[in-house]
Every structure is written in C-alpha cells, then in structure tokens.
Amino acid sequence: MSLSSPMWGGVEPGVGEAREAELAREDRFFEPVLENGSQTARHENTLLPAQSIIRLLIDKHPLPLQIQKELVCERKDVVETSAGQA
C-alpha cells in the first residue's frame, strides 16, 4: 500500500514547489493560517522528514479551539456553540 498522495506523488520537484507556493499564496485555507504564524512542512514518506515535523511540533503550546472553550469554560451545550449554530 502506498502512502503517497496522488496529487503530490511522482511530480517533478519544481512542479511540487510551484503548487506549494500557490496553495500558500492563494488557497482560502492555507493562506489565512500561514499569515497567522503557521508553517508548512513536507513529508516525503521517509523517516527523516517525519522526525523533522515532530521536532517542529514538540515545543509548540497548542491553543484550545473555540468549541473547546465554549463547551468546557462556558459550559454550553453543543447546539449553543458557534459551531452548533452554524
């Protein structure tokens, strides 16, 4: 079983880099989070990239999600949360 993504597996490095740059620059999902300090990292289905990604994450201090705050701190029912309202 192959773990590589059909979109990225087997593409030339230059094409992959161009796609990655396009996602960071134009994508409605990646651009906002990258502007707020997130990072991208490549996993090439080998041990070294996986270890590098773990090293990037190990010292991070995750922030709670809005729904977590609403459920735990504000003691709302799921239907009362922002996500539940949407």
PDB file of N, CA and C in Angstrom:
ATOM      1  N   MET A   1       0.844  -1.179   0.000  1.00  0.00           N
ATOM      2  CA  MET A   1       0.000   0.000   0.000  1.00  0.00           C
ATOM      3  C   MET A   1       0.888   1.241   0.000  1.00  0.00           C
ATOM      4  N   SER A   2       0.620   2.150  -0.876  1.00  0.00           N
ATOM      5  CA  SER A   2       1.389   3.383  -0.970  1.00  0.00           C
ATOM      6  C   SER A   2       0.750   4.467  -0.127  1.00  0.00           C
ATOM      7  N   LEU A   3       1.577   5.218   0.591  1.00  0.00           N
ATOM      8  CA  LEU A   3       1.090   6.314   1.413  1.00  0.00           C
ATOM      9  C   LEU A   3       1.191   7.656   0.712  1.00  0.00           C
ATOM     10  N   SER A   4       1.755   7.678  -0.488  1.00  0.00           N
ATOM     11  CA  SER A   4       1.910   8.965  -1.159  1.00  0.00           C
ATOM     12  C   SER A   4       0.572   9.428  -1.723  1.00  0.00           C
ATOM     13  N   SER A   5       0.393  10.710  -1.700  1.00  0.00           N
ATOM     14  CA  SER A   5      -0.827  11.319  -2.210  1.00  0.00           C
ATOM     15  C   SER A   5      -0.802  11.316  -3.725  1.00  0.00           C
ATOM     16  N   PRO A   6      -1.927  11.014  -4.380  1.00  0.00           N
ATOM     17  CA  PRO A   6      -1.939  11.056  -5.836  1.00  0.00           C
ATOM     18  C   PRO A   6      -1.602  12.441  -6.385  1.00  0.00           C
ATOM     19  N   MET A   7      -1.948  13.487  -5.643  1.00  0.00           N
ATOM     20  CA  MET A   7      -1.673  14.841  -6.110  1.00  0.00           C
ATOM     21  C   MET A   7      -0.178  15.144  -6.104  1.00  0.00           C
ATOM     22  N   TRP A   8       0.534  14.660  -5.107  1.00  0.00           N
ATOM     23  CA  TRP A   8       1.937  15.030  -4.939  1.00  0.00           C
ATOM     24  C   TRP A   8       2.901  13.928  -5.363  1.00  0.00           C
ATOM     25  N   GLY A   9       2.493  12.684  -5.278  1.00  0.00           N
ATOM     26  CA  GLY A   9       3.391  11.589  -5.615  1.00  0.00           C
ATOM     27  C   GLY A   9       3.791  11.617  -7.083  1.00  0.00           C
ATOM     28  N   GLY A  10       5.055  11.544  -7.337  1.00  0.00           N
ATOM     29  CA  GLY A  10       5.537  11.446  -8.695  1.00  0.00           C
ATOM     30  C   GLY A  10       5.635  12.750  -9.465  1.00  0.00           C
ATOM     31  N   VAL A  11       5.422  13.882  -8.836  1.00  0.00           N
ATOM     32  CA  VAL A  11       5.559  15.153  -9.556  1.00  0.00           C
ATOM     33  C   VAL A  11       7.008  15.614  -9.498  1.00  0.00           C
ATOM     34  N   GLU A  12       7.395  16.339 -10.497  1.00  0.00           N
ATOM     35  CA  GLU A  12       8.744  16.909 -10.523  1.00  0.00           C
ATOM     36  C   GLU A  12       8.899  17.896  -9.371  1.00  0.00           C
ATOM     37  N   PRO A  13      10.080  17.987  -8.768  1.00  0.00           N
ATOM     38  CA  PRO A  13      10.271  18.905  -7.634  1.00  0.00           C
ATOM     39  C   PRO A  13       9.853  20.339  -7.928  1.00  0.00           C
ATOM     40  N   GLY A  14      10.149  20.849  -9.108  1.00  0.00           N
ATOM     41  CA  GLY A  14       9.775  22.219  -9.454  1.00  0.00           C
ATOM     42  C   GLY A  14       8.267  22.408  -9.508  1.00  0.00           C
ATOM     43  N   VAL A  15       7.566  21.403 -10.017  1.00  0.00           N
ATOM     44  CA  VAL A  15       6.108  21.465 -10.094  1.00  0.00           C
ATOM     45  C   VAL A  15       5.525  21.424  -8.679  1.00  0.00           C
ATOM     46  N   GLY A  16       6.066  20.554  -7.837  1.00  0.00           N
ATOM     47  CA  GLY A  16       5.609  20.472  -6.450  1.00  0.00           C
ATOM     48  C   GLY A  16       5.829  21.770  -5.700  1.00  0.00           C
ATOM     49  N   GLU A  17       6.986  22.374  -5.897  1.00  0.00           N
ATOM     50  CA  GLU A  17       7.281  23.654  -5.239  1.00  0.00           C
ATOM     51  C   GLU A  17       6.333  24.744  -5.721  1.00  0.00           C
ATOM     52  N   ALA A  18       6.013  24.752  -7.009  1.00  0.00           N
ATOM     53  CA  ALA A  18       5.086  25.748  -7.551  1.00  0.00           C
ATOM     54  C   ALA A  18       3.687  25.546  -6.973  1.00  0.00           C
ATOM     55  N   ARG A  19       3.252  24.295  -6.852  1.00  0.00           N
ATOM     56  CA  ARG A  19       1.943  24.007  -6.260  1.00  0.00           C
ATOM     57  C   ARG A  19       1.897  24.433  -4.798  1.00  0.00           C
ATOM     58  N   GLU A  20       2.968  24.131  -4.086  1.00  0.00           N
ATOM     59  CA  GLU A  20       3.039  24.502  -2.672  1.00  0.00           C
ATOM     60  C   GLU A  20       2.961  26.025  -2.510  1.00  0.00           C
ATOM     61  N   ALA A  21       3.687  26.748  -3.335  1.00  0.00           N
ATOM     62  CA  ALA A  21       3.663  28.210  -3.278  1.00  0.00           C
ATOM     63  C   ALA A  21       2.275  28.740  -3.615  1.00  0.00           C
ATOM     64  N   GLU A  22       1.615  28.122  -4.590  1.00  0.00           N
ATOM     65  CA  GLU A  22       0.267  28.557  -4.966  1.00  0.00           C
ATOM     66  C   GLU A  22      -0.714  28.340  -3.820  1.00  0.00           C
ATOM     67  N   LEU A  23      -0.628  27.193  -3.162  1.00  0.00           N
ATOM     68  CA  LEU A  23      -1.508  26.933  -2.016  1.00  0.00           C
ATOM     69  C   LEU A  23      -1.289  27.952  -0.909  1.00  0.00           C
ATOM     70  N   ALA A  24      -0.039  28.279  -0.641  1.00  0.00           N
ATOM     71  CA  ALA A  24       0.277  29.239   0.424  1.00  0.00           C
ATOM     72  C   ALA A  24      -0.174  30.648   0.063  1.00  0.00           C
ATOM     73  N   ARG A  25      -0.133  30.965  -1.206  1.00  0.00           N
ATOM     74  CA  ARG A  25      -0.441  32.319  -1.655  1.00  0.00           C
ATOM     75  C   ARG A  25      -1.931  32.524  -1.926  1.00  0.00           C
ATOM     76  N   GLU A  26      -2.612  31.512  -2.466  1.00  0.00           N
ATOM     77  CA  GLU A  26      -3.963  31.728  -2.969  1.00  0.00           C
ATOM     78  C   GLU A  26      -5.044  30.898  -2.296  1.00  0.00           C
ATOM     79  N   ASP A  27      -4.690  29.839  -1.642  1.00  0.00           N
ATOM     80  CA  ASP A  27      -5.700  28.936  -1.110  1.00  0.00           C
ATOM     81  C   ASP A  27      -6.455  29.561   0.056  1.00  0.00           C
ATOM     82  N   ARG A  28      -7.746  29.406   0.073  1.00  0.00           N
ATOM     83  CA  ARG A  28      -8.559  30.020   1.128  1.00  0.00           C
ATOM     84  C   ARG A  28      -8.358  29.350   2.481  1.00  0.00           C
ATOM     85  N   PHE A  29      -7.729  28.181   2.507  1.00  0.00           N
ATOM     86  CA  PHE A  29      -7.466  27.515   3.781  1.00  0.00           C
ATOM     87  C   PHE A  29      -6.055  27.778   4.283  1.00  0.00           C
ATOM     88  N   PHE A  30      -5.065  27.647   3.403  1.00  0.00           N
ATOM     89  CA  PHE A  30      -3.677  27.781   3.837  1.00  0.00           C
ATOM     90  C   PHE A  30      -3.253  29.214   4.076  1.00  0.00           C
ATOM     91  N   GLU A  31      -3.620  30.113   3.195  1.00  0.00           N
ATOM     92  CA  GLU A  31      -3.138  31.491   3.309  1.00  0.00           C
ATOM     93  C   GLU A  31      -3.466  32.122   4.666  1.00  0.00           C
ATOM     94  N   PRO A  32      -4.714  32.045   5.159  1.00  0.00           N
ATOM     95  CA  PRO A  32      -5.011  32.685   6.444  1.00  0.00           C
ATOM     96  C   PRO A  32      -4.213  32.111   7.618  1.00  0.00           C
ATOM     97  N   VAL A  33      -4.040  30.805   7.649  1.00  0.00           N
ATOM     98  CA  VAL A  33      -3.304  30.235   8.782  1.00  0.00           C
ATOM     99  C   VAL A  33      -1.814  30.519   8.684  1.00  0.00           C
ATOM    100  N   LEU A  34      -1.285  30.562   7.465  1.00  0.00           N
ATOM    101  CA  LEU A  34       0.127  30.903   7.297  1.00  0.00           C
ATOM    102  C   LEU A  34       0.387  32.349   7.687  1.00  0.00           C
ATOM    103  N   GLU A  35      -0.570  33.229   7.389  1.00  0.00           N
ATOM    104  CA  GLU A  35      -0.423  34.632   7.775  1.00  0.00           C
ATOM    105  C   GLU A  35      -0.443  34.804   9.290  1.00  0.00           C
ATOM    106  N   ASN A  36      -1.025  33.843   9.992  1.00  0.00           N
ATOM    107  CA  ASN A  36      -1.092  33.906  11.452  1.00  0.00           C
ATOM    108  C   ASN A  36      -0.010  33.080  12.134  1.00  0.00           C
ATOM    109  N   GLY A  37       1.043  32.727  11.393  1.00  0.00           N
ATOM    110  CA  GLY A  37       2.197  32.093  12.016  1.00  0.00           C
ATOM    111  C   GLY A  37       2.334  30.596  11.840  1.00  0.00           C
ATOM    112  N   SER A  38       1.408  29.953  11.148  1.00  0.00           N
ATOM    113  CA  SER A  38       1.539  28.515  10.902  1.00  0.00           C
ATOM    114  C   SER A  38       2.653  28.265   9.897  1.00  0.00           C
ATOM    115  N   GLN A  39       3.099  27.025   9.846  1.00  0.00           N
ATOM    116  CA  GLN A  39       4.155  26.644   8.922  1.00  0.00           C
ATOM    117  C   GLN A  39       3.696  25.451   8.103  1.00  0.00           C
ATOM    118  N   THR A  40       4.277  25.284   6.938  1.00  0.00           N
ATOM    119  CA  THR A  40       4.073  24.066   6.172  1.00  0.00           C
ATOM    120  C   THR A  40       5.332  23.222   6.307  1.00  0.00           C
ATOM    121  N   ALA A  41       5.169  21.923   6.136  1.00  0.00           N
ATOM    122  CA  ALA A  41       6.308  21.010   6.170  1.00  0.00           C
ATOM    123  C   ALA A  41       6.010  19.860   5.223  1.00  0.00           C
ATOM    124  N   ARG A  42       7.012  19.401   4.551  1.00  0.00           N
ATOM    125  CA  ARG A  42       6.843  18.286   3.615  1.00  0.00           C
ATOM    126  C   ARG A  42       7.171  16.969   4.302  1.00  0.00           C
ATOM    127  N   HIS A  43       6.319  15.989   4.048  1.00  0.00           N
ATOM    128  CA  HIS A  43       6.602  14.619   4.492  1.00  0.00           C
ATOM    129  C   HIS A  43       6.735  13.793   3.227  1.00  0.00           C
ATOM    130  N   GLU A  44       7.888  13.239   3.022  1.00  0.00           N
ATOM    131  CA  GLU A  44       8.169  12.520   1.780  1.00  0.00           C
ATOM    132  C   GLU A  44       8.156  11.009   1.988  1.00  0.00           C
ATOM    133  N   ASN A  45       7.347  10.557   2.956  1.00  0.00           N
ATOM    134  CA  ASN A  45       7.204   9.132   3.253  1.00  0.00           C
ATOM    135  C   ASN A  45       8.515   8.461   3.648  1.00  0.00           C
ATOM    136  N   THR A  46       9.373   9.236   4.335  1.00  0.00           N
ATOM    137  CA  THR A  46      10.599   8.670   4.881  1.00  0.00           C
ATOM    138  C   THR A  46      10.741   9.128   6.328  1.00  0.00           C
ATOM    139  N   LEU A  47      11.639   8.499   7.039  1.00  0.00           N
ATOM    140  CA  LEU A  47      11.816   8.760   8.465  1.00  0.00           C
ATOM    141  C   LEU A  47      12.295  10.179   8.768  1.00  0.00           C
ATOM    142  N   LEU A  48      13.269  10.677   8.025  1.00  0.00           N
ATOM    143  CA  LEU A  48      13.835  11.994   8.343  1.00  0.00           C
ATOM    144  C   LEU A  48      12.826  13.134   8.262  1.00  0.00           C
ATOM    145  N   PRO A  49      12.017  13.233   7.209  1.00  0.00           N
ATOM    146  CA  PRO A  49      11.012  14.300   7.207  1.00  0.00           C
ATOM    147  C   PRO A  49       9.999  14.141   8.351  1.00  0.00           C
ATOM    148  N   ALA A  50       9.640  12.918   8.666  1.00  0.00           N
ATOM    149  CA  ALA A  50       8.707  12.689   9.772  1.00  0.00           C
ATOM    150  C   ALA A  50       9.313  13.185  11.082  1.00  0.00           C
ATOM    151  N   GLN A  51      10.576  12.894  11.320  1.00  0.00           N
ATOM    152  CA  GLN A  51      11.242  13.358  12.534  1.00  0.00           C
ATOM    153  C   GLN A  51      11.341  14.882  12.563  1.00  0.00           C
ATOM    154  N   SER A  52      11.594  15.494  11.419  1.00  0.00           N
ATOM    155  CA  SER A  52      11.669  16.957  11.349  1.00  0.00           C
ATOM    156  C   SER A  52      10.334  17.593  11.714  1.00  0.00           C
ATOM    157  N   ILE A  53       9.242  17.009  11.242  1.00  0.00           N
ATOM    158  CA  ILE A  53       7.912  17.530  11.560  1.00  0.00           C
ATOM    159  C   ILE A  53       7.647  17.394  13.055  1.00  0.00           C
ATOM    160  N   ILE A  54       8.005  16.265  13.635  1.00  0.00           N
ATOM    161  CA  ILE A  54       7.827  16.066  15.080  1.00  0.00           C
ATOM    162  C   ILE A  54       8.620  17.115  15.852  1.00  0.00           C
ATOM    163  N   ARG A  55       9.853  17.397  15.414  1.00  0.00           N
ATOM    164  CA  ARG A  55      10.670  18.413  16.093  1.00  0.00           C
ATOM    165  C   ARG A  55      10.024  19.795  16.014  1.00  0.00           C
ATOM    166  N   LEU A  56       9.374  20.100  14.879  1.00  0.00           N
ATOM    167  CA  LEU A  56       8.679  21.388  14.749  1.00  0.00           C
ATOM    168  C   LEU A  56       7.526  21.491  15.742  1.00  0.00           C
ATOM    169  N   LEU A  57       6.859  20.380  15.994  1.00  0.00           N
ATOM    170  CA  LEU A  57       5.667  20.385  16.833  1.00  0.00           C
ATOM    171  C   LEU A  57       5.945  20.233  18.323  1.00  0.00           C
ATOM    172  N   ILE A  58       7.050  19.630  18.681  1.00  0.00           N
ATOM    173  CA  ILE A  58       7.283  19.212  20.064  1.00  0.00           C
ATOM    174  C   ILE A  58       7.322  20.365  21.064  1.00  0.00           C
ATOM    175  N   ASP A  59       7.804  21.515  20.660  1.00  0.00           N
ATOM    176  CA  ASP A  59       7.903  22.649  21.583  1.00  0.00           C
ATOM    177  C   ASP A  59       6.733  23.622  21.476  1.00  0.00           C
ATOM    178  N   LYS A  60       5.765  23.291  20.654  1.00  0.00           N
ATOM    179  CA  LYS A  60       4.612  24.177  20.484  1.00  0.00           C
ATOM    180  C   LYS A  60       3.641  24.001  21.646  1.00  0.00           C
ATOM    181  N   HIS A  61       2.943  25.048  21.956  1.00  0.00           N
ATOM    182  CA  HIS A  61       1.928  25.013  23.003  1.00  0.00           C
ATOM    183  C   HIS A  61       0.581  25.233  22.334  1.00  0.00           C
ATOM    184  N   PRO A  62      -0.177  24.161  22.166  1.00  0.00           N
ATOM    185  CA  PRO A  62      -1.438  24.294  21.423  1.00  0.00           C
ATOM    186  C   PRO A  62      -2.445  25.179  22.140  1.00  0.00           C
ATOM    187  N   LEU A  63      -3.210  25.896  21.360  1.00  0.00           N
ATOM    188  CA  LEU A  63      -4.274  26.731  21.891  1.00  0.00           C
ATOM    189  C   LEU A  63      -5.587  25.964  21.783  1.00  0.00           C
ATOM    190  N   PRO A  64      -6.490  26.171  22.726  1.00  0.00           N
ATOM    191  CA  PRO A  64      -7.767  25.461  22.630  1.00  0.00           C
ATOM    192  C   PRO A  64      -8.597  25.992  21.468  1.00  0.00           C
ATOM    193  N   LEU A  65      -9.384  25.111  20.884  1.00  0.00           N
ATOM    194  CA  LEU A  65     -10.303  25.517  19.836  1.00  0.00           C
ATOM    195  C   LEU A  65     -11.462  26.289  20.437  1.00  0.00           C
ATOM    196  N   GLN A  66     -12.099  27.115  19.640  1.00  0.00           N
ATOM    197  CA  GLN A  66     -13.248  27.889  20.108  1.00  0.00           C
ATOM    198  C   GLN A  66     -14.323  26.975  20.686  1.00  0.00           C
ATOM    199  N   ILE A  67     -14.580  25.854  20.021  1.00  0.00           N
ATOM    200  CA  ILE A  67     -15.613  24.943  20.510  1.00  0.00           C
ATOM    201  C   ILE A  67     -15.222  24.337  21.860  1.00  0.00           C
ATOM    202  N   GLN A  68     -13.930  24.113  22.070  1.00  0.00           N
ATOM    203  CA  GLN A  68     -13.479  23.600  23.365  1.00  0.00           C
ATOM    204  C   GLN A  68     -13.739  24.627  24.460  1.00  0.00           C
ATOM    205  N   LYS A  69     -13.422  25.889  24.170  1.00  0.00           N
ATOM    206  CA  LYS A  69     -13.672  26.948  25.160  1.00  0.00           C
ATOM    207  C   LYS A  69     -15.158  27.021  25.503  1.00  0.00           C
ATOM    208  N   GLU A  70     -15.996  26.973  24.460  1.00  0.00           N
ATOM    209  CA  GLU A  70     -17.430  27.096  24.680  1.00  0.00           C
ATOM    210  C   GLU A  70     -17.995  25.906  25.457  1.00  0.00           C
ATOM    211  N   LEU A  71     -17.526  24.710  25.151  1.00  0.00           N
ATOM    212  CA  LEU A  71     -18.036  23.523  25.837  1.00  0.00           C
ATOM    213  C   LEU A  71     -17.528  23.415  27.272  1.00  0.00           C
ATOM    214  N   VAL A  72     -16.243  23.673  27.464  1.00  0.00           N
ATOM    215  CA  VAL A  72     -15.634  23.453  28.777  1.00  0.00           C
ATOM    216  C   VAL A  72     -15.740  24.690  29.674  1.00  0.00           C
ATOM    217  N   CYS A  73     -15.252  25.814  29.196  1.00  0.00           N
ATOM    218  CA  CYS A  73     -15.209  27.016  30.040  1.00  0.00           C
ATOM    219  C   CYS A  73     -16.580  27.670  30.198  1.00  0.00           C
ATOM    220  N   GLU A  74     -17.318  27.733  29.077  1.00  0.00           N
ATOM    221  CA  GLU A  74     -18.609  28.401  29.117  1.00  0.00           C
ATOM    222  C   GLU A  74     -19.765  27.430  29.392  1.00  0.00           C
ATOM    223  N   ARG A  75     -19.437  26.143  29.440  1.00  0.00           N
ATOM    224  CA  ARG A  75     -20.402  25.083  29.766  1.00  0.00           C
ATOM    225  C   ARG A  75     -21.646  25.114  28.883  1.00  0.00           C
ATOM    226  N   LYS A  76     -21.443  25.366  27.597  1.00  0.00           N
ATOM    227  CA  LYS A  76     -22.546  25.389  26.646  1.00  0.00           C
ATOM    228  C   LYS A  76     -22.828  23.980  26.140  1.00  0.00           C
ATOM    229  N   ASP A  77     -24.069  23.730  25.738  1.00  0.00           N
ATOM    230  CA  ASP A  77     -24.396  22.514  25.004  1.00  0.00           C
ATOM    231  C   ASP A  77     -23.869  22.682  23.591  1.00  0.00           C
ATOM    232  N   VAL A  78     -23.664  21.587  22.886  1.00  0.00           N
ATOM    233  CA  VAL A  78     -23.095  21.649  21.545  1.00  0.00           C
ATOM    234  C   VAL A  78     -23.932  22.550  20.637  1.00  0.00           C
ATOM    235  N   VAL A  79     -25.245  22.471  20.719  1.00  0.00           N
ATOM    236  CA  VAL A  79     -26.096  23.274  19.825  1.00  0.00           C
ATOM    237  C   VAL A  79     -26.009  24.768  20.150  1.00  0.00           C
ATOM    238  N   GLU A  80     -25.509  25.123  21.318  1.00  0.00           N
ATOM    239  CA  GLU A  80     -25.364  26.532  21.704  1.00  0.00           C
ATOM    240  C   GLU A  80     -24.017  27.130  21.273  1.00  0.00           C
ATOM    241  N   THR A  81     -23.087  26.285  20.849  1.00  0.00           N
ATOM    242  CA  THR A  81     -21.771  26.775  20.451  1.00  0.00           C
ATOM    243  C   THR A  81     -21.842  27.442  19.078  1.00  0.00           C
ATOM    244  N   SER A  82     -20.796  28.177  18.727  1.00  0.00           N
ATOM    245  CA  SER A  82     -20.728  28.800  17.400  1.00  0.00           C
ATOM    246  C   SER A  82     -20.810  27.732  16.312  1.00  0.00           C
ATOM    247  N   ALA A  83     -20.116  26.624  16.525  1.00  0.00           N
ATOM    248  CA  ALA A  83     -20.161  25.535  15.540  1.00  0.00           C
ATOM    249  C   ALA A  83     -21.554  24.944  15.465  1.00  0.00           C
ATOM    250  N   GLY A  84     -22.187  24.778  16.603  1.00  0.00           N
ATOM    251  CA  GLY A  84     -23.542  24.241  16.622  1.00  0.00           C
ATOM    252  C   GLY A  84     -24.535  25.158  15.948  1.00  0.00           C
ATOM    253  N   GLN A  85     -24.328  26.455  16.078  1.00  0.00           N
ATOM    254  CA  GLN A  85     -25.210  27.433  15.438  1.00  0.00           C
ATOM    255  C   GLN A  85     -25.037  27.412  13.920  1.00  0.00           C
ATOM    256  N   ALA A  86     -23.812  27.170  13.484  1.00  0.00           N
ATOM    257  CA  ALA A  86     -23.539  27.123  12.031  1.00  0.00           C
ATOM    258  C   ALA A  86     -24.146  25.889  11.435  1.00  0.00           C
TER     259      ALA A  86
END
